[in-house]
Amino acid sequence: MATRPVDFRKGVHGLAALVADVLCADPYGGDIFVFRSRRNDRIKLLAWDGNGMVLATKWLENGRFAWPPIQDGAMSLSATQLALLLDGLSWSHAVAAPVRRPVWPSGTRNPSGTTAATLV
C-alpha cells in the first residue's frame, strides 16, 4: 500500500510505473498495490493476474477510508486488513495470525512424499 496520496488521474501504465520507480517493486509480481486519494474517500487497486493488469477503483459515498499518517514509502497489509480497508473500516488493530509450517512426526511421510527429516 502506498502511504502517500497519488494523482488519481493516473491509469494502469502510470500506476505501474509508480510501483516500479517509487516503491521499487515489481508490478508484475502478483502483489496487489493499493493507492489512496488526497481526500481519503477513494482508493485504486492495481494487480497483475498473470494474463493482464487489473485496475479497480472504489470510492465511499459517506465517510473516509482509514489510512496511516502520510509518509513516504509503502506498507504491507494482510488479506484481513485489506478486506477491512475496502469495507471502509478501521484495519489498524487487525492482526494477522502467523503462518506456521505443519510439523510431521519423525519418520512419517507428509503429503508431498518427503520424510520429516527433509523438512527440517
N, C-alpha and C. Protein backbone atom coordinates (compact mmCIF):
# COMPACT_ATOMS: atom_id res chain seq x y z
N MET A 1 0.85 -1.17 0.00
CA MET A 1 0.00 0.00 0.00
C MET A 1 0.90 1.24 0.00
N ALA A 2 0.67 2.12 -0.94
CA ALA A 2 1.39 3.39 -0.98
C ALA A 2 0.81 4.29 0.11
N THR A 3 1.66 4.85 0.94
CA THR A 3 1.17 5.65 2.06
C THR A 3 0.98 7.12 1.72
N ARG A 4 1.54 7.58 0.63
CA ARG A 4 1.36 8.97 0.19
C ARG A 4 0.30 9.02 -0.89
N PRO A 5 -0.60 10.02 -0.87
CA PRO A 5 -1.63 10.11 -1.91
C PRO A 5 -1.02 10.23 -3.30
N VAL A 6 -1.73 9.69 -4.30
CA VAL A 6 -1.27 9.76 -5.69
C VAL A 6 -2.26 10.56 -6.51
N ASP A 7 -1.81 10.99 -7.67
CA ASP A 7 -2.66 11.69 -8.62
C ASP A 7 -3.64 10.67 -9.20
N PHE A 8 -4.93 10.82 -8.91
CA PHE A 8 -5.92 9.84 -9.32
C PHE A 8 -6.28 9.91 -10.79
N ARG A 9 -5.63 10.78 -11.54
CA ARG A 9 -5.79 10.77 -13.00
C ARG A 9 -4.93 9.69 -13.62
N LYS A 10 -3.98 9.15 -12.85
CA LYS A 10 -3.10 8.09 -13.37
C LYS A 10 -3.91 6.84 -13.66
N GLY A 11 -3.55 6.20 -14.78
CA GLY A 11 -4.18 4.95 -15.17
C GLY A 11 -3.27 3.77 -14.89
N VAL A 12 -3.51 2.68 -15.58
CA VAL A 12 -2.75 1.45 -15.38
C VAL A 12 -1.25 1.68 -15.59
N HIS A 13 -0.89 2.27 -16.69
CA HIS A 13 0.54 2.44 -17.01
C HIS A 13 1.23 3.40 -16.04
N GLY A 14 0.56 4.49 -15.69
CA GLY A 14 1.15 5.45 -14.75
C GLY A 14 1.34 4.85 -13.37
N LEU A 15 0.36 4.06 -12.90
CA LEU A 15 0.48 3.44 -11.58
C LEU A 15 1.52 2.32 -11.59
N ALA A 16 1.60 1.56 -12.68
CA ALA A 16 2.62 0.52 -12.79
C ALA A 16 4.02 1.13 -12.76
N ALA A 17 4.18 2.27 -13.43
CA ALA A 17 5.48 2.97 -13.40
C ALA A 17 5.78 3.48 -12.00
N LEU A 18 4.76 3.95 -11.29
CA LEU A 18 4.93 4.42 -9.92
C LEU A 18 5.38 3.28 -9.01
N VAL A 19 4.79 2.11 -9.19
CA VAL A 19 5.18 0.93 -8.40
C VAL A 19 6.65 0.62 -8.64
N ALA A 20 7.05 0.61 -9.90
CA ALA A 20 8.44 0.26 -10.23
C ALA A 20 9.42 1.33 -9.79
N ASP A 21 9.13 2.59 -10.04
CA ASP A 21 10.09 3.67 -9.80
C ASP A 21 10.12 4.14 -8.35
N VAL A 22 8.96 4.36 -7.76
CA VAL A 22 8.90 4.95 -6.42
C VAL A 22 8.91 3.88 -5.33
N LEU A 23 8.13 2.83 -5.51
CA LEU A 23 8.06 1.78 -4.49
C LEU A 23 9.14 0.72 -4.66
N CYS A 24 9.86 0.76 -5.79
CA CYS A 24 10.92 -0.22 -6.09
C CYS A 24 10.39 -1.65 -5.98
N ALA A 25 9.22 -1.88 -6.54
CA ALA A 25 8.60 -3.20 -6.52
C ALA A 25 8.28 -3.62 -7.95
N ASP A 26 7.97 -4.88 -8.13
CA ASP A 26 7.64 -5.42 -9.44
C ASP A 26 6.13 -5.40 -9.62
N PRO A 27 5.60 -4.55 -10.50
CA PRO A 27 4.14 -4.50 -10.69
C PRO A 27 3.58 -5.77 -11.31
N TYR A 28 4.44 -6.64 -11.86
CA TYR A 28 4.00 -7.88 -12.49
C TYR A 28 4.28 -9.09 -11.62
N GLY A 29 4.51 -8.88 -10.33
CA GLY A 29 4.85 -9.96 -9.43
C GLY A 29 3.67 -10.65 -8.77
N GLY A 30 2.45 -10.18 -9.00
CA GLY A 30 1.28 -10.82 -8.41
C GLY A 30 0.77 -10.15 -7.14
N ASP A 31 1.49 -9.16 -6.63
CA ASP A 31 1.02 -8.44 -5.45
C ASP A 31 -0.10 -7.47 -5.83
N ILE A 32 -0.91 -7.10 -4.86
CA ILE A 32 -1.94 -6.08 -5.05
C ILE A 32 -1.41 -4.77 -4.48
N PHE A 33 -1.40 -3.73 -5.28
CA PHE A 33 -0.91 -2.43 -4.85
C PHE A 33 -2.10 -1.51 -4.64
N VAL A 34 -2.15 -0.86 -3.48
CA VAL A 34 -3.28 -0.01 -3.10
C VAL A 34 -2.80 1.44 -3.07
N PHE A 35 -3.56 2.32 -3.70
CA PHE A 35 -3.22 3.74 -3.76
C PHE A 35 -4.36 4.55 -3.18
N ARG A 36 -4.02 5.63 -2.51
CA ARG A 36 -5.03 6.48 -1.86
C ARG A 36 -5.15 7.82 -2.57
N SER A 37 -6.32 8.43 -2.44
CA SER A 37 -6.53 9.78 -2.96
C SER A 37 -6.25 10.79 -1.86
N ARG A 38 -6.16 12.04 -2.24
CA ARG A 38 -5.90 13.10 -1.26
C ARG A 38 -7.06 13.25 -0.27
N ARG A 39 -8.29 13.03 -0.74
CA ARG A 39 -9.45 13.22 0.12
C ARG A 39 -9.76 12.01 1.00
N ASN A 40 -9.03 10.91 0.82
CA ASN A 40 -9.22 9.68 1.59
C ASN A 40 -10.59 9.03 1.38
N ASP A 41 -11.28 9.38 0.33
CA ASP A 41 -12.57 8.74 0.08
C ASP A 41 -12.51 7.81 -1.13
N ARG A 42 -11.33 7.68 -1.75
CA ARG A 42 -11.16 6.84 -2.93
C ARG A 42 -9.87 6.04 -2.82
N ILE A 43 -9.91 4.83 -3.38
CA ILE A 43 -8.71 4.01 -3.47
C ILE A 43 -8.67 3.36 -4.85
N LYS A 44 -7.47 3.04 -5.29
CA LYS A 44 -7.27 2.27 -6.51
C LYS A 44 -6.42 1.07 -6.16
N LEU A 45 -6.77 -0.07 -6.74
CA LEU A 45 -6.00 -1.29 -6.57
C LEU A 45 -5.45 -1.70 -7.93
N LEU A 46 -4.18 -2.04 -7.96
CA LEU A 46 -3.51 -2.46 -9.19
C LEU A 46 -2.91 -3.83 -8.97
N ALA A 47 -3.17 -4.76 -9.88
CA ALA A 47 -2.63 -6.12 -9.73
C ALA A 47 -2.43 -6.75 -11.11
N TRP A 48 -1.42 -7.58 -11.19
CA TRP A 48 -1.17 -8.39 -12.39
C TRP A 48 -1.76 -9.76 -12.10
N ASP A 49 -2.66 -10.25 -12.95
CA ASP A 49 -3.30 -11.54 -12.71
C ASP A 49 -2.69 -12.68 -13.51
N GLY A 50 -1.54 -12.43 -14.12
CA GLY A 50 -0.87 -13.45 -14.91
C GLY A 50 -1.22 -13.37 -16.38
N ASN A 51 -2.26 -12.63 -16.69
CA ASN A 51 -2.71 -12.51 -18.06
C ASN A 51 -2.86 -11.05 -18.48
N GLY A 52 -2.96 -10.17 -17.51
CA GLY A 52 -3.14 -8.75 -17.79
C GLY A 52 -3.17 -7.96 -16.49
N MET A 53 -3.09 -6.66 -16.63
CA MET A 53 -3.11 -5.77 -15.47
C MET A 53 -4.56 -5.44 -15.12
N VAL A 54 -4.87 -5.49 -13.82
CA VAL A 54 -6.22 -5.19 -13.33
C VAL A 54 -6.15 -3.89 -12.54
N LEU A 55 -7.05 -2.96 -12.84
CA LEU A 55 -7.15 -1.71 -12.11
C LEU A 55 -8.58 -1.58 -11.60
N ALA A 56 -8.73 -1.48 -10.29
CA ALA A 56 -10.06 -1.32 -9.68
C ALA A 56 -10.07 -0.04 -8.87
N THR A 57 -11.19 0.65 -8.89
CA THR A 57 -11.36 1.89 -8.13
C THR A 57 -12.58 1.75 -7.23
N LYS A 58 -12.46 2.25 -6.01
CA LYS A 58 -13.61 2.28 -5.10
C LYS A 58 -13.64 3.63 -4.43
N TRP A 59 -14.83 4.20 -4.28
CA TRP A 59 -14.99 5.43 -3.51
C TRP A 59 -16.15 5.24 -2.57
N LEU A 60 -16.03 5.86 -1.42
CA LEU A 60 -17.08 5.78 -0.40
C LEU A 60 -18.05 6.94 -0.60
N GLU A 61 -19.32 6.65 -0.58
CA GLU A 61 -20.33 7.70 -0.69
C GLU A 61 -20.37 8.54 0.58
N ASN A 62 -20.19 7.89 1.72
CA ASN A 62 -20.16 8.58 3.02
C ASN A 62 -18.94 8.11 3.79
N GLY A 63 -18.25 9.04 4.40
CA GLY A 63 -17.10 8.69 5.22
C GLY A 63 -15.80 8.66 4.43
N ARG A 64 -14.77 8.19 5.11
CA ARG A 64 -13.43 8.14 4.53
C ARG A 64 -12.77 6.82 4.88
N PHE A 65 -11.79 6.44 4.07
CA PHE A 65 -11.02 5.25 4.37
C PHE A 65 -10.07 5.54 5.52
N ALA A 66 -9.82 4.53 6.34
CA ALA A 66 -8.87 4.66 7.45
C ALA A 66 -7.46 4.43 6.91
N TRP A 67 -6.62 5.45 7.03
CA TRP A 67 -5.25 5.39 6.50
C TRP A 67 -4.26 5.69 7.60
N PRO A 68 -3.05 5.20 7.46
CA PRO A 68 -1.99 5.61 8.39
C PRO A 68 -1.59 7.04 8.09
N PRO A 69 -0.82 7.68 8.98
CA PRO A 69 -0.34 9.03 8.69
C PRO A 69 0.43 9.07 7.37
N ILE A 70 0.33 10.18 6.66
CA ILE A 70 1.01 10.32 5.37
C ILE A 70 2.52 10.35 5.59
N GLN A 71 3.20 9.48 4.85
CA GLN A 71 4.66 9.43 4.88
C GLN A 71 5.13 8.81 3.56
N ASP A 72 6.41 8.94 3.28
CA ASP A 72 6.95 8.34 2.06
C ASP A 72 7.05 6.84 2.23
N GLY A 73 6.91 6.13 1.11
CA GLY A 73 7.12 4.70 1.13
C GLY A 73 5.85 3.90 1.01
N ALA A 74 5.94 2.68 1.49
CA ALA A 74 4.83 1.74 1.38
C ALA A 74 4.76 0.89 2.63
N MET A 75 3.64 0.23 2.80
CA MET A 75 3.49 -0.71 3.90
C MET A 75 2.71 -1.91 3.39
N SER A 76 2.84 -3.02 4.09
CA SER A 76 2.15 -4.25 3.70
C SER A 76 0.91 -4.44 4.54
N LEU A 77 -0.12 -5.00 3.92
CA LEU A 77 -1.35 -5.34 4.62
C LEU A 77 -1.60 -6.83 4.47
N SER A 78 -2.21 -7.42 5.48
CA SER A 78 -2.66 -8.81 5.37
C SER A 78 -3.96 -8.81 4.57
N ALA A 79 -4.41 -10.00 4.19
CA ALA A 79 -5.68 -10.11 3.46
C ALA A 79 -6.83 -9.60 4.32
N THR A 80 -6.79 -9.85 5.61
CA THR A 80 -7.84 -9.38 6.52
C THR A 80 -7.85 -7.86 6.59
N GLN A 81 -6.67 -7.26 6.72
CA GLN A 81 -6.57 -5.81 6.78
C GLN A 81 -7.06 -5.18 5.49
N LEU A 82 -6.73 -5.77 4.34
CA LEU A 82 -7.20 -5.25 3.06
C LEU A 82 -8.72 -5.32 2.97
N ALA A 83 -9.30 -6.42 3.41
CA ALA A 83 -10.77 -6.55 3.39
C ALA A 83 -11.42 -5.49 4.26
N LEU A 84 -10.86 -5.23 5.44
CA LEU A 84 -11.41 -4.20 6.32
C LEU A 84 -11.28 -2.82 5.68
N LEU A 85 -10.12 -2.54 5.07
CA LEU A 85 -9.91 -1.26 4.39
C LEU A 85 -10.95 -1.06 3.29
N LEU A 86 -11.17 -2.09 2.47
CA LEU A 86 -12.12 -1.98 1.37
C LEU A 86 -13.55 -1.78 1.86
N ASP A 87 -13.84 -2.26 3.06
CA ASP A 87 -15.17 -2.06 3.65
C ASP A 87 -15.31 -0.71 4.34
N GLY A 88 -14.22 0.07 4.36
CA GLY A 88 -14.26 1.38 4.99
C GLY A 88 -14.12 1.32 6.50
N LEU A 89 -13.64 0.18 7.02
CA LEU A 89 -13.50 0.00 8.47
C LEU A 89 -12.05 0.24 8.90
N SER A 90 -11.85 0.47 10.18
CA SER A 90 -10.51 0.63 10.71
C SER A 90 -9.81 -0.73 10.71
N TRP A 91 -8.68 -0.80 10.07
CA TRP A 91 -7.96 -2.06 9.93
C TRP A 91 -6.70 -2.11 10.77
N SER A 92 -6.34 -0.99 11.39
CA SER A 92 -5.04 -0.90 12.05
C SER A 92 -4.89 -1.83 13.25
N HIS A 93 -6.00 -2.26 13.85
CA HIS A 93 -5.90 -3.15 15.00
C HIS A 93 -6.06 -4.62 14.64
N ALA A 94 -6.33 -4.90 13.38
CA ALA A 94 -6.44 -6.30 12.94
C ALA A 94 -5.05 -6.88 12.82
N VAL A 95 -4.83 -7.98 13.50
CA VAL A 95 -3.52 -8.63 13.48
C VAL A 95 -3.67 -9.99 12.82
N ALA A 96 -2.88 -10.22 11.81
CA ALA A 96 -2.94 -11.50 11.12
C ALA A 96 -2.25 -12.57 11.95
N ALA A 97 -2.84 -13.75 11.96
CA ALA A 97 -2.22 -14.87 12.67
C ALA A 97 -0.96 -15.28 11.93
N PRO A 98 0.08 -15.65 12.66
CA PRO A 98 1.31 -16.07 11.98
C PRO A 98 1.07 -17.36 11.19
N VAL A 99 1.72 -17.45 10.06
CA VAL A 99 1.62 -18.65 9.23
C VAL A 99 2.69 -19.61 9.70
N ARG A 100 2.25 -20.81 10.09
CA ARG A 100 3.19 -21.81 10.58
C ARG A 100 3.21 -22.99 9.63
N ARG A 101 4.36 -23.61 9.53
CA ARG A 101 4.50 -24.82 8.72
C ARG A 101 4.00 -26.01 9.52
N PRO A 102 3.41 -27.00 8.86
CA PRO A 102 2.97 -28.19 9.59
C PRO A 102 4.17 -28.98 10.12
N VAL A 103 3.97 -29.61 11.23
CA VAL A 103 5.01 -30.44 11.83
C VAL A 103 4.60 -31.90 11.66
N TRP A 104 5.45 -32.67 11.02
CA TRP A 104 5.17 -34.08 10.78
C TRP A 104 5.93 -34.92 11.79
N PRO A 105 5.30 -35.95 12.32
CA PRO A 105 6.00 -36.83 13.26
C PRO A 105 7.24 -37.42 12.60
N SER A 106 8.27 -37.59 13.37
CA SER A 106 9.54 -38.10 12.86
C SER A 106 9.36 -39.45 12.19
N GLY A 107 9.93 -39.59 11.00
CA GLY A 107 9.89 -40.85 10.27
C GLY A 107 8.64 -41.06 9.44
N THR A 108 7.63 -40.20 9.53
CA THR A 108 6.41 -40.35 8.73
C THR A 108 6.55 -39.56 7.45
N ARG A 109 5.66 -39.83 6.53
CA ARG A 109 5.70 -39.12 5.25
C ARG A 109 4.57 -38.10 5.22
N ASN A 110 4.90 -36.90 4.72
CA ASN A 110 3.87 -35.89 4.56
C ASN A 110 3.22 -36.07 3.18
N PRO A 111 2.19 -35.30 2.84
CA PRO A 111 1.51 -35.48 1.55
C PRO A 111 2.41 -35.31 0.33
N SER A 112 3.51 -34.58 0.45
CA SER A 112 4.39 -34.41 -0.71
C SER A 112 5.31 -35.60 -0.91
N GLY A 113 5.30 -36.54 0.04
CA GLY A 113 6.10 -37.76 -0.10
C GLY A 113 7.48 -37.69 0.51
N THR A 114 7.86 -36.55 1.09
CA THR A 114 9.16 -36.45 1.73
C THR A 114 9.03 -36.79 3.20
N THR A 115 10.12 -37.20 3.79
CA THR A 115 10.09 -37.53 5.22
C THR A 115 10.27 -36.29 6.05
N ALA A 116 9.93 -36.39 7.33
CA ALA A 116 10.03 -35.23 8.23
C ALA A 116 11.46 -34.73 8.29
N ALA A 117 12.42 -35.59 8.19
CA ALA A 117 13.82 -35.18 8.30
C ALA A 117 14.21 -34.22 7.18
N THR A 118 13.62 -34.36 6.00
CA THR A 118 13.99 -33.48 4.90
C THR A 118 13.29 -32.12 4.99
N LEU A 119 12.28 -32.01 5.85
CA LEU A 119 11.59 -30.74 6.01
C LEU A 119 12.26 -29.82 7.01
N VAL A 120 13.07 -30.35 7.87
CA VAL A 120 13.66 -29.57 8.94
C VAL A 120 14.80 -28.73 8.46
